[in-house]
Amino acid sequence: MTRGSSVAERSRAARAAARWSAAPAVRWERDGVVVVSALVGVVLLCAGLAAGRPQAVAIAVPLVLSAAWAAANRPSGPFTVSTGSGSTTVRDRELAVALTLTVPHGVDLVRVRAESPGNDPVDALVSVPDGTRTLDLTTPSVRTGPRELFTVDAVPVAAEGGWFLDPLHLEPDHVLVLPLVRRLDVVPVASQLRGLTGPHSSRRPGDGSQLRDIALFRAGDSVRRVDWRTTARRSPDVSELYVRRTFAASEASVVLVLDSRDDVGPEVSTWGGYRETAPDVQTSLDIAREAAATVGTAVVDGGDRLGFEDLGRLHTPVPLSGGKRHLQRVVHALALARPAGAPKHRERPPQLPTGAMVYLFSTFLDDSPSRTALAWRALGHRVVAVDTLPQEVLRGLDRHELLAWRLNDIVRRDRLHELSRAGVTVLRWATGEPAVALRAEARALRGHS
């Protein structure tokens, strides 16, 4: 259930797999069939001896001996089914969980039934010859966010028969799958810079690397800024000193805004909620998490400040900051974002820091995100609208549903066109080339600055 291949290859795609196990069962009950068999054998044996019928005795002896053998070989000890901490493994387009079966003496078979969301249940008879066996339960998935693991029911089978245990039931555990981070060389950031340090040269004088001008030494100037070559050329007797003045280094501010109200798959027939999207197919929210994590990583790697806001929830946003630890906080918040009840209505758009660059990740299936983007653009923010809707699959739609989808698609395209006309950069993540579009937007911003 992840968008990664292995733990080593996807070190950022962490997952939380807590220990889960079923309470051991130790009370073995007699099988009613064996009890009945033993009673029938005793009755036949007595009747055969009393009537002098060796045929009846020959039939009764195996029944009595099998019951006695089963009683003498009663399994002893608990039967446990569990997984350990760290047993969840991230593989290529799948999630694997190590399931450990521990059986007592006298048991060598276990019937296991495992279920996971979006998959057919698996029922198997498993041999446990050495008392302990570990199985790998795997499910294909490319989904991110909170994911549900396996529900397991297990029943031990006594080798000699005659005894049974009630099934052990394991409730499904949950993991948090972080989104995959793709590589971006550059992303556009706001030209309005803040702070006294950073990777960009501002228009304010201060400490930096870009030359502003050369001027006479004044009180307050540092001796380290003296340009001795200019001083030697303009004042050979060193009666005057000249210093190099630079532009201050600053950092840009970027806010990732995720619209978590919608989580739809590529099949339009599943949008009504009557069918679930297959676990090996990305939904719009999976695409949005991946896109936001990719852009956020490029921003932090570039030395700029990053913030996070969720349009689907009315809560305190993640404030602007920088560094790898802050990036982990933002990615964790992205993974936790999901639809929660009815969509929240906002009277006004969330407040953003002055001059921040905004990346809005949404399906734009309604007017709320486009209105919010237009309001931010009117306030002077640079906005990049990232369309996270997957490539639509129209399979399974009847004539009326197909007509409804076409009308909805026309309205959605009109919203995106209106954003483009207002100066908002619009790009589609799933079907377009986001790296090329972002690189072109970054060049355009540098040209205007």
Protein backbone atom coordinates (compact mmCIF):
# COMPACT_ATOMS: atom_id res chain seq x y z
CA MET A 1 0.00 0.00 0.00
CA THR A 2 2.58 2.50 -0.95
CA ARG A 3 4.20 4.35 -3.77
CA GLY A 4 7.70 3.00 -3.19
CA SER A 5 9.80 -0.02 -3.96
CA SER A 6 11.88 -0.82 -0.86
CA VAL A 7 12.86 0.75 2.42
CA ALA A 8 16.37 1.50 1.16
CA GLU A 9 15.16 2.98 -2.11
CA ARG A 10 12.35 4.97 -0.47
CA SER A 11 13.94 6.14 2.79
CA ARG A 12 11.50 9.04 2.96
CA ALA A 13 8.50 6.77 2.54
CA ALA A 14 8.38 5.79 6.22
CA ARG A 15 5.57 3.63 7.54
CA ALA A 16 4.27 3.02 11.03
CA ALA A 17 3.72 -0.69 11.75
CA ALA A 18 2.89 -1.26 15.41
CA ARG A 19 2.90 -4.69 17.04
CA TRP A 20 -0.41 -6.53 16.85
CA SER A 21 -1.27 -10.04 17.98
CA ALA A 22 -4.16 -12.22 19.04
CA ALA A 23 -4.42 -13.44 22.63
CA PRO A 24 -3.13 -17.04 22.86
CA ALA A 25 -5.79 -19.74 23.04
CA VAL A 26 -5.01 -22.64 25.42
CA ARG A 27 -8.30 -24.39 26.15
CA TRP A 28 -8.59 -27.33 23.79
CA GLU A 29 -12.07 -28.81 23.56
CA ARG A 30 -12.98 -32.37 22.70
CA ASP A 31 -14.37 -32.94 19.25
CA GLY A 32 -17.94 -34.27 19.46
CA VAL A 33 -17.33 -36.66 16.57
CA VAL A 34 -14.56 -38.46 18.51
CA VAL A 35 -16.74 -38.70 21.64
CA VAL A 36 -19.58 -40.20 19.62
CA SER A 37 -17.14 -42.55 17.92
CA ALA A 38 -15.79 -43.73 21.26
CA LEU A 39 -19.30 -44.33 22.68
CA VAL A 40 -20.36 -46.26 19.57
CA GLY A 41 -17.18 -48.34 19.76
CA VAL A 42 -17.74 -49.22 23.41
CA VAL A 43 -21.37 -50.19 22.76
CA LEU A 44 -20.42 -52.36 19.79
CA LEU A 45 -17.58 -53.94 21.75
CA CYS A 46 -19.84 -54.84 24.67
CA ALA A 47 -22.58 -56.09 22.38
CA GLY A 48 -20.16 -58.16 20.33
CA LEU A 49 -18.59 -59.76 23.40
CA ALA A 50 -21.99 -60.46 24.94
CA ALA A 51 -23.43 -61.91 21.74
CA GLY A 52 -20.26 -63.64 20.68
CA ARG A 53 -20.06 -61.69 17.42
CA PRO A 54 -16.41 -61.17 16.37
CA GLN A 55 -17.53 -58.98 13.46
CA ALA A 56 -18.92 -56.41 15.85
CA VAL A 57 -15.77 -56.56 17.95
CA ALA A 58 -13.60 -56.03 14.85
CA ILE A 59 -15.61 -52.91 13.99
CA ALA A 60 -15.54 -51.57 17.55
CA VAL A 61 -11.81 -51.98 18.27
CA PRO A 62 -10.58 -49.33 15.74
CA LEU A 63 -13.17 -46.86 17.00
CA VAL A 64 -12.10 -47.32 20.62
CA LEU A 65 -8.39 -47.27 19.81
CA SER A 66 -8.66 -44.08 17.71
CA ALA A 67 -10.50 -42.33 20.57
CA ALA A 68 -7.89 -43.52 23.08
CA TRP A 69 -5.04 -42.42 20.79
CA ALA A 70 -6.58 -38.94 20.36
CA ALA A 71 -7.01 -38.62 24.15
CA ALA A 72 -3.39 -39.63 24.75
CA ASN A 73 -2.11 -37.09 22.19
CA ARG A 74 -4.05 -34.05 23.32
CA PRO A 75 -2.23 -30.85 22.20
CA SER A 76 -0.70 -28.92 25.07
CA GLY A 77 0.30 -25.28 25.10
CA PRO A 78 -0.99 -22.06 23.57
CA PHE A 79 -1.64 -21.24 19.94
CA THR A 80 -0.67 -17.67 18.93
CA VAL A 81 -0.90 -15.58 15.78
CA SER A 82 1.02 -12.32 15.73
CA THR A 83 3.19 -9.86 13.89
CA GLY A 84 6.15 -8.04 15.35
CA SER A 85 7.21 -4.43 15.29
CA GLY A 86 8.86 -3.66 11.97
CA SER A 87 7.21 -6.59 10.22
CA THR A 88 5.63 -4.33 7.58
CA THR A 89 7.82 -4.18 4.48
CA VAL A 90 7.55 -1.69 1.63
CA ARG A 91 8.08 -3.30 -1.76
CA ASP A 92 7.49 -2.34 -5.37
CA ARG A 93 3.78 -1.45 -5.60
CA GLU A 94 2.83 -3.63 -2.65
CA LEU A 95 2.84 -3.89 1.13
CA ALA A 96 3.94 -7.09 2.89
CA VAL A 97 3.26 -8.06 6.50
CA ALA A 98 5.05 -10.94 8.24
CA LEU A 99 2.52 -13.14 10.05
CA THR A 100 3.96 -15.55 12.66
CA LEU A 101 2.08 -18.75 13.60
CA THR A 102 3.12 -20.57 16.78
CA VAL A 103 1.47 -23.93 17.47
CA PRO A 104 1.82 -26.39 20.40
CA HIS A 105 2.97 -30.00 20.23
CA GLY A 106 0.42 -32.13 18.41
CA VAL A 107 -0.57 -29.49 15.84
CA ASP A 108 0.98 -29.28 12.39
CA LEU A 109 -1.72 -27.56 10.30
CA VAL A 110 -3.39 -24.16 10.58
CA ARG A 111 -6.24 -22.86 8.50
CA VAL A 112 -5.68 -19.14 7.80
CA ARG A 113 -8.13 -16.66 6.30
CA ALA A 114 -6.79 -13.15 5.49
CA GLU A 115 -8.69 -10.13 4.19
CA SER A 116 -7.60 -6.64 3.20
CA PRO A 117 -9.61 -3.71 1.79
CA GLY A 118 -10.06 -3.88 -1.97
CA ASN A 119 -8.88 -7.51 -2.30
CA ASP A 120 -10.62 -10.86 -2.33
CA PRO A 121 -10.15 -12.90 0.88
CA VAL A 122 -7.52 -15.63 0.88
CA ASP A 123 -8.22 -18.99 2.59
CA ALA A 124 -5.34 -21.45 2.92
CA LEU A 125 -4.32 -24.54 4.90
CA VAL A 126 -0.78 -23.90 6.15
CA SER A 127 1.66 -26.54 7.33
CA VAL A 128 3.64 -25.69 10.50
CA PRO A 129 6.05 -28.62 10.85
CA ASP A 130 8.49 -27.09 13.38
CA GLY A 131 6.03 -25.37 15.69
CA THR A 132 6.61 -21.88 14.24
CA ARG A 133 6.20 -20.50 10.76
CA THR A 134 6.23 -16.99 9.32
CA LEU A 135 4.07 -16.11 6.34
CA ASP A 136 4.19 -13.03 4.11
CA LEU A 137 0.81 -11.41 3.55
CA THR A 138 1.05 -9.06 0.57
CA THR A 139 -1.39 -6.72 -1.09
CA PRO A 140 -0.81 -4.67 -4.24
CA SER A 141 -1.27 -0.95 -3.69
CA VAL A 142 0.03 2.44 -4.70
CA ARG A 143 -2.09 4.31 -2.17
CA THR A 144 -0.75 6.69 0.47
CA GLY A 145 -2.04 8.06 3.75
CA PRO A 146 -3.69 5.98 6.50
CA ARG A 147 -4.00 2.43 5.22
CA GLU A 148 -5.67 -0.59 6.77
CA LEU A 149 -3.75 -3.85 6.92
CA PHE A 150 -5.03 -7.41 7.14
CA THR A 151 -7.85 -8.99 9.12
CA VAL A 152 -6.77 -12.54 9.98
CA ASP A 153 -8.70 -15.55 11.30
CA ALA A 154 -6.74 -18.71 12.15
CA VAL A 155 -7.83 -22.17 13.33
CA PRO A 156 -5.31 -24.86 14.38
CA VAL A 157 -5.87 -28.46 13.30
CA ALA A 158 -4.73 -31.23 15.69
CA ALA A 159 -2.54 -33.79 13.99
CA GLU A 160 -4.34 -36.77 15.55
CA GLY A 161 -7.79 -35.16 15.55
CA GLY A 162 -10.22 -35.23 18.43
CA TRP A 163 -9.52 -31.70 19.73
CA PHE A 164 -10.23 -28.19 18.53
CA LEU A 165 -9.79 -24.53 19.43
CA ASP A 166 -12.02 -21.57 18.67
CA PRO A 167 -10.68 -19.40 15.82
CA LEU A 168 -8.29 -16.61 16.71
CA HIS A 169 -9.23 -13.23 15.24
CA LEU A 170 -6.78 -10.39 14.57
CA GLU A 171 -8.23 -6.95 14.06
CA PRO A 172 -6.58 -5.01 11.23
CA ASP A 173 -3.77 -2.68 12.20
CA HIS A 174 -3.19 0.63 10.42
CA VAL A 175 -0.10 2.17 8.88
CA LEU A 176 0.62 5.66 7.62
CA VAL A 177 2.19 5.52 4.17
CA LEU A 178 4.07 8.68 3.21
CA PRO A 179 3.91 9.92 -0.38
CA LEU A 180 6.62 9.26 -2.91
CA VAL A 181 8.92 12.20 -3.60
CA ARG A 182 9.93 12.75 -7.21
CA ARG A 183 12.91 14.78 -8.28
CA LEU A 184 12.47 18.38 -9.41
CA ASP A 185 15.45 20.49 -10.43
CA VAL A 186 13.77 23.82 -9.82
CA VAL A 187 10.40 25.18 -8.76
CA PRO A 188 9.17 28.78 -9.07
CA VAL A 189 9.23 30.79 -5.85
CA ALA A 190 8.00 34.28 -5.02
CA SER A 191 10.15 37.23 -6.04
CA GLN A 192 9.23 39.06 -2.83
CA LEU A 193 11.86 37.85 -0.38
CA ARG A 194 11.99 37.89 3.40
CA GLY A 195 14.54 37.41 6.13
CA LEU A 196 18.23 38.26 6.48
CA THR A 197 19.64 34.97 5.18
CA GLY A 198 18.82 32.66 2.35
CA PRO A 199 19.77 31.51 -1.16
CA HIS A 200 18.45 34.57 -3.04
CA SER A 201 19.78 38.10 -3.43
CA SER A 202 17.23 40.73 -2.47
CA ARG A 203 17.11 44.42 -3.40
CA ARG A 204 17.97 45.53 0.12
CA PRO A 205 21.56 46.36 1.11
CA GLY A 206 23.15 43.94 3.52
CA ASP A 207 25.33 40.86 3.79
CA GLY A 208 25.26 38.82 0.63
CA SER A 209 27.23 37.65 -2.37
CA GLN A 210 25.85 39.88 -5.15
CA LEU A 211 27.70 43.19 -5.61
CA ARG A 212 25.59 46.34 -5.17
CA ASP A 213 28.21 49.07 -5.54
CA ILE A 214 31.59 50.33 -4.26
CA ALA A 215 31.59 53.33 -1.90
CA LEU A 216 33.83 55.21 0.50
CA PHE A 217 34.40 53.72 3.89
CA ARG A 218 31.99 55.11 6.48
CA ALA A 219 31.48 54.64 10.19
CA GLY A 220 29.88 51.28 10.77
CA ASP A 221 31.41 49.56 7.73
CA SER A 222 33.36 46.40 8.41
CA VAL A 223 37.07 46.30 7.61
CA ARG A 224 36.48 42.95 5.94
CA ARG A 225 34.52 44.75 3.22
CA VAL A 226 37.45 46.94 2.17
CA ASP A 227 38.23 46.45 -1.52
CA TRP A 228 42.01 46.89 -1.56
CA ARG A 229 42.32 46.80 -5.34
CA THR A 230 39.86 49.66 -5.78
CA THR A 231 41.49 51.53 -2.90
CA ALA A 232 44.96 51.17 -4.48
CA ARG A 233 43.65 52.35 -7.84
CA ARG A 234 41.63 55.33 -6.61
CA SER A 235 43.70 56.34 -3.57
CA PRO A 236 47.36 55.31 -4.00
CA ASP A 237 48.32 57.04 -0.75
CA VAL A 238 45.58 55.14 1.10
CA SER A 239 44.07 58.40 2.33
CA GLU A 240 40.63 56.95 1.58
CA LEU A 241 39.30 53.44 1.80
CA TYR A 242 36.72 51.93 -0.50
CA VAL A 243 34.36 49.13 0.53
CA ARG A 244 32.25 46.68 -1.43
CA ARG A 245 28.55 46.88 -0.67
CA THR A 246 26.26 43.93 -1.48
CA PHE A 247 22.62 43.08 -1.65
CA ALA A 248 21.26 41.20 1.37
CA ALA A 249 20.65 37.45 1.05
CA SER A 250 17.03 36.48 1.68
CA GLU A 251 14.70 33.54 1.35
CA ALA A 252 11.37 33.05 -0.38
CA SER A 253 8.17 31.79 1.25
CA VAL A 254 6.11 28.98 -0.26
CA VAL A 255 2.79 27.69 1.09
CA LEU A 256 1.41 24.31 0.00
CA VAL A 257 -2.40 24.29 0.05
CA LEU A 258 -4.07 20.89 -0.22
CA ASP A 259 -7.77 20.46 -0.97
CA SER A 260 -8.48 17.24 0.91
CA ARG A 261 -12.26 17.39 0.47
CA ASP A 262 -12.23 15.16 -2.62
CA ASP A 263 -10.69 11.73 -3.03
CA VAL A 264 -11.78 10.27 -6.35
CA GLY A 265 -10.26 7.58 -8.53
CA PRO A 266 -9.85 7.48 -12.30
CA GLU A 267 -13.06 5.48 -12.83
CA VAL A 268 -15.92 7.97 -12.89
CA SER A 269 -18.34 5.19 -11.94
CA THR A 270 -16.77 5.09 -8.45
CA TRP A 271 -17.28 8.80 -7.74
CA GLY A 272 -20.71 8.20 -6.23
CA GLY A 273 -19.19 6.12 -3.44
CA TYR A 274 -20.99 2.90 -4.36
CA ARG A 275 -17.75 1.16 -5.32
CA GLU A 276 -14.27 1.51 -3.91
CA THR A 277 -11.24 2.36 -6.01
CA ALA A 278 -8.86 -0.58 -6.43
CA PRO A 279 -5.86 -0.40 -4.06
CA ASP A 280 -3.38 -0.53 -6.95
CA VAL A 281 -4.81 2.64 -8.54
CA GLN A 282 -3.95 6.15 -7.41
CA THR A 283 -6.75 8.48 -6.40
CA SER A 284 -6.77 12.27 -6.69
CA LEU A 285 -5.65 12.64 -3.07
CA ASP A 286 -2.73 10.25 -3.62
CA ILE A 287 -1.65 12.37 -6.59
CA ALA A 288 -2.07 15.55 -4.55
CA ARG A 289 0.06 14.20 -1.68
CA GLU A 290 2.78 13.12 -4.10
CA ALA A 291 2.78 16.44 -5.95
CA ALA A 292 2.83 18.51 -2.74
CA ALA A 293 5.61 16.42 -1.20
CA THR A 294 7.67 16.74 -4.39
CA VAL A 295 7.28 20.53 -4.57
CA GLY A 296 7.90 20.90 -0.82
CA THR A 297 11.10 18.88 -0.98
CA ALA A 298 12.42 21.01 -3.87
CA VAL A 299 11.59 24.19 -1.92
CA VAL A 300 13.35 23.09 1.27
CA ASP A 301 16.35 21.73 -0.66
CA GLY A 302 16.62 25.16 -2.29
CA GLY A 303 16.91 26.82 1.12
CA ASP A 304 13.51 28.51 1.19
CA ARG A 305 10.74 28.49 3.80
CA LEU A 306 7.75 26.15 3.53
CA GLY A 307 4.26 26.18 5.04
CA PHE A 308 1.18 23.97 4.74
CA GLU A 309 -2.57 24.62 4.73
CA ASP A 310 -5.48 22.17 4.32
CA LEU A 311 -8.63 23.57 2.74
CA GLY A 312 -10.65 20.60 3.96
CA ARG A 313 -10.13 21.29 7.66
CA LEU A 314 -10.53 24.35 9.84
CA HIS A 315 -7.41 24.03 11.96
CA THR A 316 -4.10 25.74 12.63
CA PRO A 317 -1.86 25.51 9.55
CA VAL A 318 1.76 24.40 9.62
CA PRO A 319 3.71 27.68 9.88
CA LEU A 320 6.54 28.73 7.61
CA SER A 321 9.91 27.26 8.42
CA GLY A 322 12.84 25.48 6.80
CA GLY A 323 15.06 22.46 7.25
CA LYS A 324 14.69 18.71 6.92
CA ARG A 325 12.84 18.24 10.20
CA HIS A 326 10.23 20.79 9.15
CA LEU A 327 9.91 19.05 5.78
CA GLN A 328 9.19 15.77 7.58
CA ARG A 329 6.49 17.55 9.57
CA VAL A 330 4.86 18.86 6.40
CA VAL A 331 5.01 15.46 4.63
CA HIS A 332 3.49 13.82 7.70
CA ALA A 333 0.66 16.37 7.63
CA LEU A 334 0.14 15.64 3.93
CA ALA A 335 -0.15 11.92 4.62
CA LEU A 336 -2.75 12.53 7.34
CA ALA A 337 -4.91 14.78 5.14
CA ARG A 338 -8.10 13.05 4.00
CA PRO A 339 -11.82 13.81 3.62
CA ALA A 340 -13.50 14.27 7.00
CA GLY A 341 -17.27 14.41 6.85
CA ALA A 342 -19.10 17.05 4.85
CA PRO A 343 -16.89 19.64 3.09
CA LYS A 344 -16.17 22.62 5.33
CA HIS A 345 -17.48 25.98 4.15
CA ARG A 346 -15.08 28.90 4.38
CA GLU A 347 -16.41 32.43 4.38
CA ARG A 348 -13.01 33.77 3.35
CA PRO A 349 -9.77 32.21 2.11
CA PRO A 350 -7.06 31.29 4.63
CA GLN A 351 -4.67 34.10 5.46
CA LEU A 352 -1.21 33.67 4.01
CA PRO A 353 2.09 35.43 4.75
CA THR A 354 2.72 38.53 2.66
CA GLY A 355 4.45 37.80 -0.63
CA ALA A 356 4.19 34.01 -0.31
CA MET A 357 4.09 31.78 -3.36
CA VAL A 358 1.01 29.50 -3.24
CA TYR A 359 0.72 26.00 -4.66
CA LEU A 360 -2.90 24.84 -4.64
CA PHE A 361 -3.48 21.10 -5.16
CA SER A 362 -7.12 20.30 -6.01
CA THR A 363 -9.43 18.48 -8.41
CA PHE A 364 -11.41 21.71 -8.99
CA LEU A 365 -14.66 19.74 -9.11
CA ASP A 366 -16.47 22.65 -7.43
CA ASP A 367 -16.11 26.41 -7.22
CA SER A 368 -14.55 26.66 -3.75
CA PRO A 369 -10.84 26.11 -4.63
CA SER A 370 -10.99 28.30 -7.75
CA ARG A 371 -12.63 31.14 -5.79
CA THR A 372 -9.94 30.83 -3.14
CA ALA A 373 -7.17 30.93 -5.76
CA LEU A 374 -8.68 34.01 -7.40
CA ALA A 375 -8.93 35.75 -4.02
CA TRP A 376 -5.25 35.08 -3.32
CA ARG A 377 -4.30 36.29 -6.78
CA ALA A 378 -6.25 39.50 -6.21
CA LEU A 379 -4.25 40.03 -3.00
CA GLY A 380 -1.01 39.90 -4.99
CA HIS A 381 0.10 36.33 -4.33
CA ARG A 382 1.62 34.26 -7.09
CA VAL A 383 -0.55 31.11 -7.38
CA VAL A 384 0.17 27.81 -9.11
CA ALA A 385 -2.95 25.65 -9.44
CA VAL A 386 -2.06 21.97 -9.69
CA ASP A 387 -4.89 19.86 -11.12
CA THR A 388 -4.71 16.48 -9.33
CA LEU A 389 -7.61 14.73 -11.06
CA PRO A 390 -6.50 11.37 -12.53
CA GLN A 391 -7.05 10.57 -16.18
CA GLU A 392 -10.76 9.80 -16.34
CA VAL A 393 -11.94 6.30 -17.24
CA LEU A 394 -15.54 6.25 -18.52
CA ARG A 395 -15.98 2.48 -18.46
CA GLY A 396 -19.26 1.33 -16.93
CA LEU A 397 -21.21 4.59 -17.39
CA ASP A 398 -24.70 4.56 -18.87
CA ARG A 399 -25.95 7.29 -21.20
CA HIS A 400 -27.26 9.57 -18.45
CA GLU A 401 -24.11 9.24 -16.34
CA LEU A 402 -21.94 9.95 -19.37
CA LEU A 403 -23.92 13.11 -20.10
CA ALA A 404 -23.59 14.23 -16.46
CA TRP A 405 -19.83 13.71 -16.59
CA ARG A 406 -19.51 15.73 -19.81
CA LEU A 407 -21.40 18.67 -18.30
CA ASN A 408 -19.28 18.50 -15.15
CA ASP A 409 -16.08 18.33 -17.23
CA ILE A 410 -17.11 21.43 -19.23
CA VAL A 411 -17.70 23.40 -16.03
CA ARG A 412 -14.38 22.22 -14.57
CA ARG A 413 -12.48 23.27 -17.69
CA ASP A 414 -14.16 26.68 -17.51
CA ARG A 415 -12.91 27.10 -13.95
CA LEU A 416 -9.35 26.28 -14.96
CA HIS A 417 -9.57 28.63 -17.95
CA GLU A 418 -10.79 31.42 -15.69
CA LEU A 419 -7.81 30.85 -13.42
CA SER A 420 -5.41 31.04 -16.36
CA ARG A 421 -6.96 34.31 -17.53
CA ALA A 422 -6.50 35.75 -14.02
CA GLY A 423 -2.76 35.05 -14.09
CA VAL A 424 -2.80 31.77 -12.18
CA THR A 425 -0.44 29.11 -13.54
CA VAL A 426 -2.43 25.90 -14.16
CA LEU A 427 -0.82 22.51 -14.69
CA ARG A 428 -2.06 18.93 -14.51
CA TRP A 429 0.12 16.59 -12.52
CA ALA A 430 -1.10 13.13 -13.56
CA THR A 431 -1.19 13.51 -17.34
CA GLY A 432 1.08 16.47 -18.05
CA GLU A 433 4.79 17.18 -17.60
CA PRO A 434 4.91 19.11 -14.32
CA ALA A 435 8.71 19.36 -14.22
CA VAL A 436 8.81 21.10 -17.61
CA ALA A 437 5.93 23.45 -16.72
CA LEU A 438 7.47 24.40 -13.37
CA ARG A 439 10.86 25.01 -14.94
CA ALA A 440 9.27 27.32 -17.54
CA GLU A 441 7.37 29.20 -14.82
CA ALA A 442 10.58 29.63 -12.80
CA ARG A 443 12.33 31.14 -15.86
CA ALA A 444 9.39 33.48 -16.43
CA LEU A 445 9.50 34.69 -12.82
CA ARG A 446 13.23 35.31 -13.03
CA GLY A 447 12.66 37.31 -16.20
CA HIS A 448 10.11 39.57 -14.52
CA SER A 449 12.16 40.11 -11.35
